[in-house]
Amino acid sequence: MSLRQSYARVAKTAAMIVGRYAHAKQFKRMNREIKFLRTRLGREMRDIGRNIKVDETLGPIFAVSLLKASQIRG
């Protein structure tokens, strides 16, 4: 299974930036970065969902991860 795009590097950087903004009490900027992270997470979830439809054996493998991701995304 290959994903269209991996956001591992981008998400790691954005998560660090969120912490910095929170520490500096720049909450509007922090919320903007959190929205960015949630958007990327949604893209990953949809991409994994498309791959699961193609290959049925991937469903049980990603079930727990997709459940956690949907809880985080809100």
C-alpha atoms as a PDB file:
ATOM      1  CA  MET A   1       0.000   0.000   0.000  1.00  0.00           C
ATOM      2  CA  SER A   2       1.422   3.348  -0.960  1.00  0.00           C
ATOM      3  CA  LEU A   3      -0.099   6.617   0.171  1.00  0.00           C
ATOM      4  CA  ARG A   4      -0.397   9.577  -2.125  1.00  0.00           C
ATOM      5  CA  GLN A   5       1.663  11.751   0.165  1.00  0.00           C
ATOM      6  CA  SER A   6       3.155  11.427   3.629  1.00  0.00           C
ATOM      7  CA  TYR A   7       2.866  14.329   6.018  1.00  0.00           C
ATOM      8  CA  ALA A   8       5.221  12.876   8.637  1.00  0.00           C
ATOM      9  CA  ARG A   9       7.821  15.630   8.326  1.00  0.00           C
ATOM     10  CA  VAL A  10       5.289  18.434   7.930  1.00  0.00           C
ATOM     11  CA  ALA A  11       3.160  17.252  10.849  1.00  0.00           C
ATOM     12  CA  LYS A  12       6.152  16.913  13.158  1.00  0.00           C
ATOM     13  CA  THR A  13       7.185  20.498  12.462  1.00  0.00           C
ATOM     14  CA  ALA A  14       3.633  21.798  12.857  1.00  0.00           C
ATOM     15  CA  ALA A  15       3.264  20.001  16.194  1.00  0.00           C
ATOM     16  CA  MET A  16       6.428  21.670  17.473  1.00  0.00           C
ATOM     17  CA  ILE A  17       5.170  25.050  16.310  1.00  0.00           C
ATOM     18  CA  VAL A  18       1.865  24.489  18.164  1.00  0.00           C
ATOM     19  CA  GLY A  19       3.788  23.980  21.388  1.00  0.00           C
ATOM     20  CA  ARG A  20       5.794  27.126  20.841  1.00  0.00           C
ATOM     21  CA  TYR A  21       2.705  29.200  20.133  1.00  0.00           C
ATOM     22  CA  ALA A  22       0.967  27.817  23.212  1.00  0.00           C
ATOM     23  CA  HIS A  23       3.947  28.646  25.399  1.00  0.00           C
ATOM     24  CA  ALA A  24       4.021  32.197  24.045  1.00  0.00           C
ATOM     25  CA  LYS A  25       0.253  32.535  24.617  1.00  0.00           C
ATOM     26  CA  GLN A  26      -0.328  33.115  20.891  1.00  0.00           C
ATOM     27  CA  PHE A  27      -3.507  31.092  20.830  1.00  0.00           C
ATOM     28  CA  LYS A  28      -4.937  32.299  17.512  1.00  0.00           C
ATOM     29  CA  ARG A  29      -1.771  31.233  15.717  1.00  0.00           C
ATOM     30  CA  MET A  30      -1.784  27.979  17.673  1.00  0.00           C
ATOM     31  CA  ASN A  31      -5.356  27.223  16.622  1.00  0.00           C
ATOM     32  CA  ARG A  32      -4.452  27.898  12.998  1.00  0.00           C
ATOM     33  CA  GLU A  33      -1.672  25.299  13.186  1.00  0.00           C
ATOM     34  CA  ILE A  34      -3.990  22.818  14.915  1.00  0.00           C
ATOM     35  CA  LYS A  35      -6.479  23.275  12.070  1.00  0.00           C
ATOM     36  CA  PHE A  36      -3.624  22.601   9.627  1.00  0.00           C
ATOM     37  CA  LEU A  37      -2.795  19.368  11.491  1.00  0.00           C
ATOM     38  CA  ARG A  38      -6.422  18.219  11.531  1.00  0.00           C
ATOM     39  CA  THR A  39      -6.730  18.875   7.803  1.00  0.00           C
ATOM     40  CA  ARG A  40      -3.659  16.787   7.065  1.00  0.00           C
ATOM     41  CA  LEU A  41      -4.920  14.015   9.339  1.00  0.00           C
ATOM     42  CA  GLY A  42      -8.207  13.968   7.445  1.00  0.00           C
ATOM     43  CA  ARG A  43      -6.383  13.650   4.142  1.00  0.00           C
ATOM     44  CA  GLU A  44      -4.397  10.702   5.486  1.00  0.00           C
ATOM     45  CA  MET A  45      -7.560   9.049   6.808  1.00  0.00           C
ATOM     46  CA  ARG A  46      -9.342   9.388   3.468  1.00  0.00           C
ATOM     47  CA  ASP A  47      -6.315   8.055   1.586  1.00  0.00           C
ATOM     48  CA  ILE A  48      -6.075   5.026   3.870  1.00  0.00           C
ATOM     49  CA  GLY A  49      -9.832   4.509   3.470  1.00  0.00           C
ATOM     50  CA  ARG A  50      -9.463   4.444  -0.312  1.00  0.00           C
ATOM     51  CA  ASN A  51      -6.677   1.877  -0.056  1.00  0.00           C
ATOM     52  CA  ILE A  52      -8.778  -0.277   2.281  1.00  0.00           C
ATOM     53  CA  LYS A  53     -11.588  -0.354  -0.291  1.00  0.00           C
ATOM     54  CA  VAL A  54      -9.140  -1.663  -2.879  1.00  0.00           C
ATOM     55  CA  ASP A  55      -7.548  -4.295  -0.601  1.00  0.00           C
ATOM     56  CA  GLU A  56      -9.989  -5.757   1.948  1.00  0.00           C
ATOM     57  CA  THR A  57      -7.198  -7.370   4.019  1.00  0.00           C
ATOM     58  CA  LEU A  58      -5.996  -3.937   5.165  1.00  0.00           C
ATOM     59  CA  GLY A  59      -9.237  -3.189   7.036  1.00  0.00           C
ATOM     60  CA  PRO A  60      -8.450  -5.024  10.279  1.00  0.00           C
ATOM     61  CA  ILE A  61      -4.854  -3.798  10.248  1.00  0.00           C
ATOM     62  CA  PHE A  62      -5.821  -0.122  10.210  1.00  0.00           C
ATOM     63  CA  ALA A  63      -9.069  -0.336  12.203  1.00  0.00           C
ATOM     64  CA  VAL A  64      -7.610   0.766  15.559  1.00  0.00           C
ATOM     65  CA  SER A  65      -5.435   3.476  14.009  1.00  0.00           C
ATOM     66  CA  LEU A  66      -8.341   4.956  12.050  1.00  0.00           C
ATOM     67  CA  LEU A  67     -10.525   4.914  15.160  1.00  0.00           C
ATOM     68  CA  LYS A  68      -7.904   6.842  17.137  1.00  0.00           C
ATOM     69  CA  ALA A  69      -7.384   9.269  14.257  1.00  0.00           C
ATOM     70  CA  SER A  70     -11.106   9.971  14.000  1.00  0.00           C
ATOM     71  CA  GLN A  71     -11.228  10.677  17.747  1.00  0.00           C
ATOM     72  CA  ILE A  72      -8.291  13.082  17.476  1.00  0.00           C
ATOM     73  CA  ARG A  73      -9.706  14.825  14.437  1.00  0.00           C
ATOM     74  CA  GLY A  74     -12.983  15.490  16.209  1.00  0.00           C
END
